[in-house]
Protein backbone atom coordinates (compact mmCIF):
# COMPACT_ATOMS: atom_id res chain seq x y z
CA MET A 1 -16.38 20.70 -28.13
CA SER A 2 -16.31 20.41 -24.36
CA LEU A 3 -19.28 21.03 -22.12
CA PHE A 4 -18.27 24.40 -20.61
CA GLY A 5 -15.96 25.69 -23.33
CA ASN A 6 -12.69 24.64 -21.72
CA LYS A 7 -10.56 22.05 -23.44
CA LYS A 8 -9.07 20.49 -20.33
CA VAL A 9 -7.88 16.96 -20.92
CA VAL A 10 -9.07 14.57 -18.24
CA GLN A 11 -6.43 12.03 -17.25
CA PRO A 12 -7.58 8.58 -16.20
CA ILE A 13 -7.09 7.61 -12.57
CA ALA A 14 -3.99 5.50 -12.17
CA GLN A 15 -4.57 1.92 -11.15
CA SER A 16 -2.44 -0.41 -9.10
CA PRO A 17 -1.25 -3.73 -10.51
CA THR A 18 -4.15 -5.42 -8.70
CA GLY A 19 -6.61 -3.32 -10.71
CA LYS A 20 -7.89 -1.40 -7.70
CA PRO A 21 -8.25 2.36 -8.30
CA GLU A 22 -5.78 4.59 -6.55
CA THR A 23 -6.83 7.02 -3.83
CA VAL A 24 -6.48 10.57 -5.13
CA ILE A 25 -6.75 13.78 -3.12
CA GLY A 26 -7.55 16.24 -5.91
CA ALA A 27 -5.96 19.65 -6.44
CA ASN A 28 -9.05 21.47 -5.11
CA THR A 29 -9.39 19.25 -2.04
CA THR A 30 -8.29 19.84 1.57
CA PHE A 31 -8.10 16.90 3.96
CA VAL A 32 -7.44 17.15 7.71
CA GLY A 33 -7.01 13.98 9.75
CA THR A 34 -5.57 10.49 9.41
CA LEU A 35 -5.54 8.80 6.03
CA LYS A 36 -4.73 5.05 5.94
CA SER A 37 -4.69 2.94 2.80
CA ASP A 38 -3.66 -0.58 1.82
CA GLY A 39 -3.07 0.63 -1.74
CA ASN A 40 -1.39 3.60 -3.39
CA VAL A 41 -2.23 7.26 -2.74
CA ARG A 42 -1.68 10.42 -4.76
CA VAL A 43 -1.99 13.88 -3.18
CA ASP A 44 -2.53 16.85 -5.49
CA GLY A 45 -4.39 18.93 -2.90
CA SER A 46 -3.72 19.85 0.73
CA VAL A 47 -3.39 17.35 3.57
CA GLU A 48 -2.77 18.02 7.25
CA GLY A 49 -2.41 15.23 9.80
CA GLU A 50 -1.10 11.73 9.08
CA ILE A 51 -0.84 9.56 5.96
CA GLU A 52 -0.04 5.86 6.32
CA VAL A 53 0.10 3.84 3.11
CA LEU A 54 1.11 0.20 2.60
CA GLY A 55 1.83 0.95 -1.06
CA ASN A 56 3.29 4.04 -2.72
CA LEU A 57 2.63 7.69 -1.97
CA ILE A 58 2.95 10.43 -4.58
CA VAL A 59 2.78 14.11 -3.64
CA GLY A 60 2.10 15.82 -6.96
CA SER A 61 3.44 19.23 -7.95
CA THR A 62 0.32 20.96 -6.59
CA GLY A 63 0.32 18.85 -3.40
CA ARG A 64 0.88 20.58 -0.05
CA VAL A 65 1.28 18.25 2.94
CA ILE A 66 1.86 19.02 6.63
CA ALA A 67 1.82 15.55 8.12
CA THR A 68 3.62 12.45 9.25
CA LEU A 69 4.07 10.28 6.15
CA LYS A 70 4.65 6.51 6.14
CA ALA A 71 4.73 4.50 2.91
CA GLN A 72 6.72 1.93 0.98
CA ASN A 73 7.93 4.41 -1.66
CA ILE A 74 7.36 8.16 -1.55
CA HIS A 75 7.78 10.54 -4.48
CA VAL A 76 7.58 14.28 -3.74
CA SER A 77 7.03 16.84 -6.50
CA GLY A 78 5.13 19.28 -4.26
CA ALA A 79 5.81 20.45 -0.69
CA VAL A 80 5.99 18.30 2.45
CA LYS A 81 6.58 19.39 6.05
CA GLY A 82 6.81 16.74 8.76
CA GLN A 83 8.29 13.35 9.55
CA VAL A 84 8.74 11.14 6.48
CA VAL A 85 9.27 7.37 6.67
CA ALA A 86 9.80 5.40 3.44
CA THR A 87 10.44 1.70 3.99
CA GLU A 88 12.06 1.52 0.55
CA GLN A 89 12.74 4.79 -1.32
CA LEU A 90 12.12 8.51 -0.94
CA GLU A 91 12.52 10.49 -4.14
CA ILE A 92 12.43 14.29 -4.29
CA SER A 93 11.93 15.67 -7.81
CA PRO A 94 13.32 19.03 -9.06
CA SER A 95 10.12 20.81 -7.96
CA GLY A 96 9.87 18.87 -4.67
CA LYS A 97 10.49 20.36 -1.24
CA VAL A 98 10.77 18.45 2.05
CA TRP A 99 11.18 20.07 5.47
CA GLY A 100 11.54 17.62 8.36
CA ASP A 101 13.22 14.42 9.44
CA ILE A 102 13.28 11.49 7.05
CA THR A 103 13.98 7.79 7.44
CA ALA A 104 14.42 5.75 4.26
CA ALA A 105 16.30 2.75 2.92
CA SER A 106 17.16 4.80 -0.18
CA LEU A 107 17.13 8.56 -0.77
CA HIS A 108 17.24 10.23 -4.18
CA ILE A 109 17.17 14.02 -4.53
CA GLU A 110 17.16 15.29 -8.10
CA PRO A 111 18.96 18.57 -8.91
CA GLY A 112 16.68 21.44 -7.86
CA GLY A 113 14.94 19.37 -5.17
CA LEU A 114 15.06 20.76 -1.63
CA PHE A 115 15.55 18.91 1.65
CA ARG A 116 15.95 20.61 5.04
CA GLY A 117 16.19 18.40 8.11
CA GLN A 118 17.88 15.25 9.26
CA SER A 119 17.97 11.91 7.51
CA SER A 120 18.71 8.37 8.60
CA MET A 121 18.94 5.23 6.51
CA THR A 122 17.33 1.93 7.36
CA SER A 123 19.12 -1.24 6.36
CA ASN A 124 18.77 -4.98 6.75
CA VAL A 125 22.54 -5.35 6.85
CA ASP A 126 24.12 -5.65 10.29
CA GLU A 127 26.78 -2.98 10.46
CA PRO A 128 29.03 -2.01 13.34
CA LEU A 129 27.90 1.18 15.03
CA LEU A 130 31.41 2.61 15.00
CA LEU A 131 34.08 2.06 12.42
CA GLU A 132 37.72 2.23 13.43
CA ALA A 133 39.29 5.52 12.42
CA PRO A 134 42.38 5.45 10.20
CA ARG A 135 45.64 5.53 12.14
CA SER A 136 47.37 8.87 12.17
CA ARG A 137 50.92 8.91 10.83
CA LEU A 138 51.73 11.93 13.05
CA ASN A 139 52.28 9.76 16.13
CA GLU A 140 54.69 7.38 14.41
CA GLU A 141 58.49 7.66 14.65
CA PRO A 142 60.12 8.91 11.47
CA SER A 143 61.85 6.11 9.58
CA GLY A 144 65.57 6.14 8.93
CA VAL A 145 66.55 7.99 12.13
């Protein structure tokens, strides 16, 4: 029997491959300011300001973020409003909502996920800024005349 009569299952805190505990902003927590981490961060509460993570950032289904986000990989199951920069991948789950401009090397939006804003892709491949448009056949002389 649990201490206060509720049978809530406590999930262990996720750990990074290096064994360091993850930074977790809990569901009943509000954070205002700049959050910087060399590891991974999970947001289940409310954050307003800026989040800069060298590892991965997860915005859980109860997470509400109004901030500039920068991380290697970002997974959104909650709601995010602001500029989002993922150096590798941004993934928006079916319950995820993102309002704002995003920059990512890879973007994955699952059916039901919402994105409103502008997106740009980063790439290590040198590509020409403009590709030549296909030639129109309307300006050519008809053959056989």
